[in-house]
């Protein structure tokens, strides 16, 4: 039993260390933009806010490492506004998108769509999938994010215009450490943990992730959760 516990701790640590890369990359990207000094004051203040927010998220992840047992990680049934989270991480990933001249297009039926999941957990889902949609996209491509509610469920569609995933690999992409041949050939750094983490958290909170793809054209992820209606 103790060995199983230690193995699980190692796995949790690996996953959290993987998640540390996104806020670090974001902080470095916005710091580099500020260093160039070409922004107006309003834009600089926005960049400072993002750096501070990502620093807080980084600190939260470090605290997770210090309390590595999964039962001690931040959980619960807090409700979060998906619109706010999507727009937040679209800004966080903007330097990465700009490096490939990729446009992120967001559409939502309304501004108040909620699910019962802590914000820190939702951030891990969104950043992992959105980052992949940028990393494995083509130069000057697009990432489309659509958010809507149907039959008491919330749906998040994230579609890129990238390299796609072969049909025989679609069933494997959520496996830990799995990387498709096409992504290996692009020489893009990755651990093969992001989608596994996203799937595990989604299912932990009663959701589902589905994926479809056309090689050389696009990949689309559909994330669904039970809706958590908020009375204003």
C-alpha atoms as a PDB file:
ATOM      1  CA  UNK A   1       0.000   0.000   0.000  1.00  0.00           C
ATOM      2  CA  UNK A   2       2.796   2.429   0.862  1.00  0.00           C
ATOM      3  CA  UNK A   3       4.479   1.795  -2.491  1.00  0.00           C
ATOM      4  CA  UNK A   4       1.205   2.522  -4.285  1.00  0.00           C
ATOM      5  CA  UNK A   5       0.885   5.756  -2.343  1.00  0.00           C
ATOM      6  CA  UNK A   6       4.431   6.789  -3.268  1.00  0.00           C
ATOM      7  CA  UNK A   7       3.835   5.962  -6.932  1.00  0.00           C
ATOM      8  CA  UNK A   8       0.696   8.115  -6.923  1.00  0.00           C
ATOM      9  CA  UNK A   9       2.612  10.954  -5.273  1.00  0.00           C
ATOM     10  CA  UNK A  10       5.280  10.750  -7.985  1.00  0.00           C
ATOM     11  CA  UNK A  11       2.585  10.864 -10.664  1.00  0.00           C
ATOM     12  CA  UNK A  12       0.886  13.879  -9.093  1.00  0.00           C
ATOM     13  CA  UNK A  13       4.244  15.639  -8.816  1.00  0.00           C
ATOM     14  CA  UNK A  14       5.010  14.964 -12.497  1.00  0.00           C
ATOM     15  CA  UNK A  15       1.652  16.350 -13.563  1.00  0.00           C
ATOM     16  CA  UNK A  16       1.982  19.484 -11.446  1.00  0.00           C
ATOM     17  CA  UNK A  17       5.520  20.151 -12.681  1.00  0.00           C
ATOM     18  CA  UNK A  18       4.121  19.870 -16.217  1.00  0.00           C
ATOM     19  CA  UNK A  19       1.532  22.514 -15.322  1.00  0.00           C
ATOM     20  CA  UNK A  20       4.237  24.847 -14.002  1.00  0.00           C
ATOM     21  CA  UNK A  21       5.528  25.363 -17.547  1.00  0.00           C
ATOM     22  CA  UNK A  22       2.508  27.352 -18.780  1.00  0.00           C
ATOM     23  CA  UNK A  23       2.590  30.219 -16.238  1.00  0.00           C
ATOM     24  CA  UNK A  24       6.391  30.381 -16.439  1.00  0.00           C
ATOM     25  CA  UNK A  25       6.235  30.641 -20.243  1.00  0.00           C
ATOM     26  CA  UNK A  26       3.516  33.291 -19.989  1.00  0.00           C
ATOM     27  CA  UNK A  27       5.433  35.399 -17.451  1.00  0.00           C
ATOM     28  CA  UNK A  28       8.569  35.227 -19.593  1.00  0.00           C
ATOM     29  CA  UNK A  29       6.612  36.147 -22.728  1.00  0.00           C
ATOM     30  CA  UNK A  30       4.945  39.224 -21.265  1.00  0.00           C
ATOM     31  CA  UNK A  31       8.176  40.298 -19.545  1.00  0.00           C
ATOM     32  CA  UNK A  32       9.925  40.144 -22.932  1.00  0.00           C
ATOM     33  CA  UNK A  33       7.182  42.269 -24.501  1.00  0.00           C
ATOM     34  CA  UNK A  34       7.491  44.836 -21.705  1.00  0.00           C
ATOM     35  CA  UNK A  35      11.255  44.883 -22.174  1.00  0.00           C
ATOM     36  CA  UNK A  36      10.756  46.092 -25.751  1.00  0.00           C
ATOM     37  CA  UNK A  37       8.879  49.102 -24.372  1.00  0.00           C
ATOM     38  CA  UNK A  38       6.605  49.649 -27.375  1.00  0.00           C
ATOM     39  CA  UNK A  39       3.273  49.518 -25.518  1.00  0.00           C
ATOM     40  CA  UNK A  40       1.093  52.368 -24.332  1.00  0.00           C
ATOM     41  CA  UNK A  41       0.394  52.751 -20.606  1.00  0.00           C
ATOM     42  CA  UNK A  42      -2.947  50.910 -20.714  1.00  0.00           C
ATOM     43  CA  UNK A  43      -1.381  47.905 -22.447  1.00  0.00           C
ATOM     44  CA  UNK A  44       1.536  47.877 -20.006  1.00  0.00           C
ATOM     45  CA  UNK A  45      -0.870  47.822 -17.062  1.00  0.00           C
ATOM     46  CA  UNK A  46      -2.741  44.912 -18.645  1.00  0.00           C
ATOM     47  CA  UNK A  47       0.537  43.003 -19.069  1.00  0.00           C
ATOM     48  CA  UNK A  48       1.494  43.722 -15.439  1.00  0.00           C
ATOM     49  CA  UNK A  49      -1.885  42.352 -14.318  1.00  0.00           C
ATOM     50  CA  UNK A  50      -1.412  39.165 -16.323  1.00  0.00           C
ATOM     51  CA  UNK A  51       2.105  38.663 -14.963  1.00  0.00           C
ATOM     52  CA  UNK A  52       0.810  39.131 -11.398  1.00  0.00           C
ATOM     53  CA  UNK A  53      -2.102  36.731 -11.994  1.00  0.00           C
ATOM     54  CA  UNK A  54       0.169  34.090 -13.518  1.00  0.00           C
ATOM     55  CA  UNK A  55       2.622  34.538 -10.637  1.00  0.00           C
ATOM     56  CA  UNK A  56      -0.234  33.804  -8.230  1.00  0.00           C
ATOM     57  CA  UNK A  57      -1.143  30.688 -10.215  1.00  0.00           C
ATOM     58  CA  UNK A  58       2.489  29.607 -10.192  1.00  0.00           C
ATOM     59  CA  UNK A  59       2.590  30.042  -6.417  1.00  0.00           C
ATOM     60  CA  UNK A  60      -0.583  27.977  -6.087  1.00  0.00           C
ATOM     61  CA  UNK A  61       0.971  25.159  -8.123  1.00  0.00           C
ATOM     62  CA  UNK A  62       4.127  25.295  -6.015  1.00  0.00           C
ATOM     63  CA  UNK A  63       1.961  24.970  -2.910  1.00  0.00           C
ATOM     64  CA  UNK A  64       0.365  21.928  -4.534  1.00  0.00           C
ATOM     65  CA  UNK A  65       3.823  20.394  -4.886  1.00  0.00           C
ATOM     66  CA  UNK A  66       4.478  21.038  -1.207  1.00  0.00           C
ATOM     67  CA  UNK A  67       1.223  19.238  -0.305  1.00  0.00           C
ATOM     68  CA  UNK A  68       1.541  16.578  -2.967  1.00  0.00           C
ATOM     69  CA  UNK A  69      -1.113  14.148  -1.744  1.00  0.00           C
ATOM     70  CA  UNK A  70      -4.123  14.579  -4.035  1.00  0.00           C
ATOM     71  CA  UNK A  71      -6.525  14.749  -1.096  1.00  0.00           C
ATOM     72  CA  UNK A  72      -4.754  17.929   0.034  1.00  0.00           C
ATOM     73  CA  UNK A  73      -4.979  19.668  -3.342  1.00  0.00           C
ATOM     74  CA  UNK A  74      -7.588  22.390  -3.845  1.00  0.00           C
ATOM     75  CA  UNK A  75     -10.869  20.673  -4.611  1.00  0.00           C
ATOM     76  CA  UNK A  76     -14.508  21.260  -3.807  1.00  0.00           C
ATOM     77  CA  UNK A  77     -17.573  22.385  -5.696  1.00  0.00           C
ATOM     78  CA  UNK A  78     -16.845  26.061  -6.281  1.00  0.00           C
ATOM     79  CA  UNK A  79     -18.620  27.497  -9.301  1.00  0.00           C
ATOM     80  CA  UNK A  80     -16.625  29.284 -11.966  1.00  0.00           C
ATOM     81  CA  UNK A  81     -17.600  31.484 -14.878  1.00  0.00           C
ATOM     82  CA  UNK A  82     -16.279  29.771 -18.008  1.00  0.00           C
ATOM     83  CA  UNK A  83     -16.430  32.976 -20.067  1.00  0.00           C
ATOM     84  CA  UNK A  84     -14.038  34.707 -17.686  1.00  0.00           C
ATOM     85  CA  UNK A  85     -11.663  31.742 -17.622  1.00  0.00           C
ATOM     86  CA  UNK A  86     -11.525  31.364 -21.412  1.00  0.00           C
ATOM     87  CA  UNK A  87     -10.873  35.060 -22.002  1.00  0.00           C
ATOM     88  CA  UNK A  88      -8.306  35.127 -19.219  1.00  0.00           C
ATOM     89  CA  UNK A  89      -6.239  32.296 -20.652  1.00  0.00           C
ATOM     90  CA  UNK A  90      -6.598  33.552 -24.211  1.00  0.00           C
ATOM     91  CA  UNK A  91      -4.734  36.651 -22.948  1.00  0.00           C
ATOM     92  CA  UNK A  92      -2.244  34.539 -21.002  1.00  0.00           C
ATOM     93  CA  UNK A  93      -1.398  32.539 -24.134  1.00  0.00           C
ATOM     94  CA  UNK A  94      -1.259  35.599 -26.382  1.00  0.00           C
ATOM     95  CA  UNK A  95       2.582  35.760 -26.574  1.00  0.00           C
ATOM     96  CA  UNK A  96       2.676  32.118 -27.706  1.00  0.00           C
ATOM     97  CA  UNK A  97      -0.072  32.781 -30.269  1.00  0.00           C
ATOM     98  CA  UNK A  98       1.661  35.938 -31.498  1.00  0.00           C
ATOM     99  CA  UNK A  99       4.910  34.019 -32.026  1.00  0.00           C
ATOM    100  CA  UNK A 100       3.110  32.031 -34.756  1.00  0.00           C
ATOM    101  CA  UNK A 101       0.757  34.838 -35.835  1.00  0.00           C
ATOM    102  CA  UNK A 102      -2.238  32.801 -34.669  1.00  0.00           C
ATOM    103  CA  UNK A 103      -5.600  34.446 -34.020  1.00  0.00           C
ATOM    104  CA  UNK A 104      -7.812  33.218 -31.170  1.00  0.00           C
ATOM    105  CA  UNK A 105     -11.513  33.689 -31.969  1.00  0.00           C
ATOM    106  CA  UNK A 106     -13.935  33.400 -29.026  1.00  0.00           C
ATOM    107  CA  UNK A 107     -17.713  33.152 -29.315  1.00  0.00           C
ATOM    108  CA  UNK A 108     -20.169  32.729 -26.447  1.00  0.00           C
ATOM    109  CA  UNK A 109     -23.969  32.726 -26.223  1.00  0.00           C
ATOM    110  CA  UNK A 110     -23.860  34.859 -23.069  1.00  0.00           C
ATOM    111  CA  UNK A 111     -21.441  36.169 -20.485  1.00  0.00           C
ATOM    112  CA  UNK A 112     -22.668  34.097 -17.544  1.00  0.00           C
ATOM    113  CA  UNK A 113     -22.078  30.407 -18.169  1.00  0.00           C
ATOM    114  CA  UNK A 114     -21.076  28.528 -15.022  1.00  0.00           C
ATOM    115  CA  UNK A 115     -19.946  25.021 -14.072  1.00  0.00           C
ATOM    116  CA  UNK A 116     -19.278  23.490 -10.659  1.00  0.00           C
ATOM    117  CA  UNK A 117     -15.497  23.198 -10.716  1.00  0.00           C
ATOM    118  CA  UNK A 118     -12.763  25.190  -8.921  1.00  0.00           C
ATOM    119  CA  UNK A 119     -11.102  27.831 -11.072  1.00  0.00           C
ATOM    120  CA  UNK A 120      -7.642  26.331 -10.557  1.00  0.00           C
ATOM    121  CA  UNK A 121      -8.895  23.010 -11.928  1.00  0.00           C
ATOM    122  CA  UNK A 122     -10.582  24.649 -14.925  1.00  0.00           C
ATOM    123  CA  UNK A 123      -7.386  26.558 -15.659  1.00  0.00           C
ATOM    124  CA  UNK A 124      -5.494  23.264 -15.997  1.00  0.00           C
ATOM    125  CA  UNK A 125      -8.045  21.959 -18.502  1.00  0.00           C
ATOM    126  CA  UNK A 126      -8.198  25.112 -20.602  1.00  0.00           C
ATOM    127  CA  UNK A 127      -4.492  25.935 -20.691  1.00  0.00           C
ATOM    128  CA  UNK A 128      -3.500  22.390 -21.653  1.00  0.00           C
ATOM    129  CA  UNK A 129      -5.939  22.177 -24.575  1.00  0.00           C
ATOM    130  CA  UNK A 130      -5.644  25.810 -25.706  1.00  0.00           C
ATOM    131  CA  UNK A 131      -1.856  25.658 -25.594  1.00  0.00           C
ATOM    132  CA  UNK A 132      -1.864  22.524 -27.758  1.00  0.00           C
ATOM    133  CA  UNK A 133      -4.221  24.233 -30.225  1.00  0.00           C
ATOM    134  CA  UNK A 134      -1.577  26.935 -30.650  1.00  0.00           C
ATOM    135  CA  UNK A 135       1.572  24.795 -30.520  1.00  0.00           C
ATOM    136  CA  UNK A 136       0.373  22.295 -33.117  1.00  0.00           C
ATOM    137  CA  UNK A 137      -1.249  24.866 -35.372  1.00  0.00           C
ATOM    138  CA  UNK A 138       0.105  26.157 -38.663  1.00  0.00           C
ATOM    139  CA  UNK A 139       1.727  29.569 -39.064  1.00  0.00           C
ATOM    140  CA  UNK A 140      -0.946  32.307 -39.311  1.00  0.00           C
ATOM    141  CA  UNK A 141      -3.622  29.804 -38.293  1.00  0.00           C
ATOM    142  CA  UNK A 142      -6.635  30.250 -36.048  1.00  0.00           C
ATOM    143  CA  UNK A 143      -8.033  28.803 -32.834  1.00  0.00           C
ATOM    144  CA  UNK A 144     -11.829  28.890 -32.552  1.00  0.00           C
ATOM    145  CA  UNK A 145     -13.395  28.661 -29.092  1.00  0.00           C
ATOM    146  CA  UNK A 146     -17.185  28.369 -28.858  1.00  0.00           C
ATOM    147  CA  UNK A 147     -19.093  28.303 -25.566  1.00  0.00           C
ATOM    148  CA  UNK A 148     -22.797  27.475 -25.255  1.00  0.00           C
ATOM    149  CA  UNK A 149     -25.432  25.645 -23.175  1.00  0.00           C
ATOM    150  CA  UNK A 150     -27.767  22.865 -24.350  1.00  0.00           C
ATOM    151  CA  UNK A 151     -30.092  20.646 -22.311  1.00  0.00           C
ATOM    152  CA  UNK A 152     -28.587  21.680 -18.947  1.00  0.00           C
ATOM    153  CA  UNK A 153     -25.044  21.072 -20.166  1.00  0.00           C
ATOM    154  CA  UNK A 154     -22.208  23.489 -20.896  1.00  0.00           C
ATOM    155  CA  UNK A 155     -20.159  22.856 -24.040  1.00  0.00           C
ATOM    156  CA  UNK A 156     -16.703  24.259 -24.818  1.00  0.00           C
ATOM    157  CA  UNK A 157     -15.491  23.654 -28.369  1.00  0.00           C
ATOM    158  CA  UNK A 158     -11.820  24.327 -29.089  1.00  0.00           C
ATOM    159  CA  UNK A 159     -10.887  23.902 -32.756  1.00  0.00           C
ATOM    160  CA  UNK A 160      -7.563  24.662 -34.433  1.00  0.00           C
ATOM    161  CA  UNK A 161      -6.405  24.833 -38.052  1.00  0.00           C
ATOM    162  CA  UNK A 162      -3.344  22.698 -37.418  1.00  0.00           C
ATOM    163  CA  UNK A 163      -1.667  19.447 -38.332  1.00  0.00           C
ATOM    164  CA  UNK A 164      -4.450  17.144 -37.184  1.00  0.00           C
ATOM    165  CA  UNK A 165      -4.251  13.702 -35.588  1.00  0.00           C
ATOM    166  CA  UNK A 166      -4.325  10.410 -37.471  1.00  0.00           C
ATOM    167  CA  UNK A 167      -7.465   8.316 -36.905  1.00  0.00           C
ATOM    168  CA  UNK A 168      -5.495   5.382 -35.499  1.00  0.00           C
ATOM    169  CA  UNK A 169      -3.962   7.669 -32.850  1.00  0.00           C
ATOM    170  CA  UNK A 170      -7.132   9.411 -31.612  1.00  0.00           C
ATOM    171  CA  UNK A 171      -7.892   6.666 -29.076  1.00  0.00           C
ATOM    172  CA  UNK A 172      -4.403   7.005 -27.559  1.00  0.00           C
ATOM    173  CA  UNK A 173      -3.950  10.767 -27.135  1.00  0.00           C
ATOM    174  CA  UNK A 174      -5.368  10.814 -23.583  1.00  0.00           C
ATOM    175  CA  UNK A 175      -2.903   8.189 -22.402  1.00  0.00           C
ATOM    176  CA  UNK A 176      -0.181   9.459 -20.077  1.00  0.00           C
ATOM    177  CA  UNK A 177       3.068  10.327 -21.883  1.00  0.00           C
ATOM    178  CA  UNK A 178       1.634   9.477 -25.314  1.00  0.00           C
ATOM    179  CA  UNK A 179       2.776  11.734 -28.170  1.00  0.00           C
ATOM    180  CA  UNK A 180       1.621  11.219 -31.757  1.00  0.00           C
ATOM    181  CA  UNK A 181       4.123  10.693 -34.521  1.00  0.00           C
ATOM    182  CA  UNK A 182       3.130  13.965 -36.196  1.00  0.00           C
ATOM    183  CA  UNK A 183       3.899  15.998 -33.055  1.00  0.00           C
ATOM    184  CA  UNK A 184       7.241  14.236 -32.616  1.00  0.00           C
ATOM    185  CA  UNK A 185       8.164  15.121 -36.188  1.00  0.00           C
ATOM    186  CA  UNK A 186       7.547  18.815 -35.452  1.00  0.00           C
ATOM    187  CA  UNK A 187      10.278  18.774 -32.774  1.00  0.00           C
ATOM    188  CA  UNK A 188       7.999  20.572 -30.308  1.00  0.00           C
ATOM    189  CA  UNK A 189       8.854  19.983 -26.668  1.00  0.00           C
ATOM    190  CA  UNK A 190       6.206  18.098 -24.715  1.00  0.00           C
ATOM    191  CA  UNK A 191       5.723  15.477 -22.031  1.00  0.00           C
ATOM    192  CA  UNK A 192       2.517  13.893 -23.317  1.00  0.00           C
ATOM    193  CA  UNK A 193       0.765  14.687 -20.016  1.00  0.00           C
ATOM    194  CA  UNK A 194      -1.413  17.691 -20.861  1.00  0.00           C
ATOM    195  CA  UNK A 195      -4.389  15.912 -22.397  1.00  0.00           C
ATOM    196  CA  UNK A 196      -4.295  13.158 -19.778  1.00  0.00           C
ATOM    197  CA  UNK A 197      -4.445  15.779 -17.016  1.00  0.00           C
ATOM    198  CA  UNK A 198      -7.303  17.610 -18.761  1.00  0.00           C
ATOM    199  CA  UNK A 199      -9.324  14.407 -19.194  1.00  0.00           C
ATOM    200  CA  UNK A 200      -8.804  13.240 -15.591  1.00  0.00           C
ATOM    201  CA  UNK A 201      -9.918  16.571 -14.118  1.00  0.00           C
ATOM    202  CA  UNK A 202     -12.884  16.871 -16.477  1.00  0.00           C
ATOM    203  CA  UNK A 203     -14.178  13.432 -15.524  1.00  0.00           C
ATOM    204  CA  UNK A 204     -13.507  14.120 -11.815  1.00  0.00           C
ATOM    205  CA  UNK A 205     -16.129  16.895 -12.029  1.00  0.00           C
ATOM    206  CA  UNK A 206     -18.710  14.973 -14.044  1.00  0.00           C
ATOM    207  CA  UNK A 207     -17.632  16.139 -17.486  1.00  0.00           C
ATOM    208  CA  UNK A 208     -16.511  14.585 -20.756  1.00  0.00           C
ATOM    209  CA  UNK A 209     -13.914  15.329 -23.438  1.00  0.00           C
ATOM    210  CA  UNK A 210     -14.406  14.232 -27.040  1.00  0.00           C
ATOM    211  CA  UNK A 211     -12.028  14.762 -29.945  1.00  0.00           C
ATOM    212  CA  UNK A 212     -12.268  14.648 -33.717  1.00  0.00           C
ATOM    213  CA  UNK A 213      -9.615  15.471 -36.274  1.00  0.00           C
ATOM    214  CA  UNK A 214      -8.714  15.684 -39.960  1.00  0.00           C
ATOM    215  CA  UNK A 215      -5.043  15.221 -40.768  1.00  0.00           C
ATOM    216  CA  UNK A 216      -3.550  18.372 -42.215  1.00  0.00           C
ATOM    217  CA  UNK A 217      -6.698  20.420 -41.516  1.00  0.00           C
ATOM    218  CA  UNK A 218      -7.884  20.654 -37.919  1.00  0.00           C
ATOM    219  CA  UNK A 219      -8.472  19.114 -34.514  1.00  0.00           C
ATOM    220  CA  UNK A 220     -11.544  19.835 -32.392  1.00  0.00           C
ATOM    221  CA  UNK A 221     -12.000  19.121 -28.694  1.00  0.00           C
ATOM    222  CA  UNK A 222     -15.475  19.284 -27.162  1.00  0.00           C
ATOM    223  CA  UNK A 223     -15.546  19.573 -23.376  1.00  0.00           C
ATOM    224  CA  UNK A 224     -18.909  19.255 -21.639  1.00  0.00           C
ATOM    225  CA  UNK A 225     -20.021  19.712 -18.030  1.00  0.00           C
ATOM    226  CA  UNK A 226     -23.346  19.775 -16.209  1.00  0.00           C
ATOM    227  CA  UNK A 227     -24.497  23.395 -16.111  1.00  0.00           C
ATOM    228  CA  UNK A 228     -24.403  25.228 -12.773  1.00  0.00           C
ATOM    229  CA  UNK A 229     -27.030  27.943 -13.118  1.00  0.00           C
ATOM    230  CA  UNK A 230     -26.458  31.003 -10.945  1.00  0.00           C
ATOM    231  CA  UNK A 231     -29.306  33.176  -9.756  1.00  0.00           C
ATOM    232  CA  UNK A 232     -28.328  36.782 -10.173  1.00  0.00           C
END
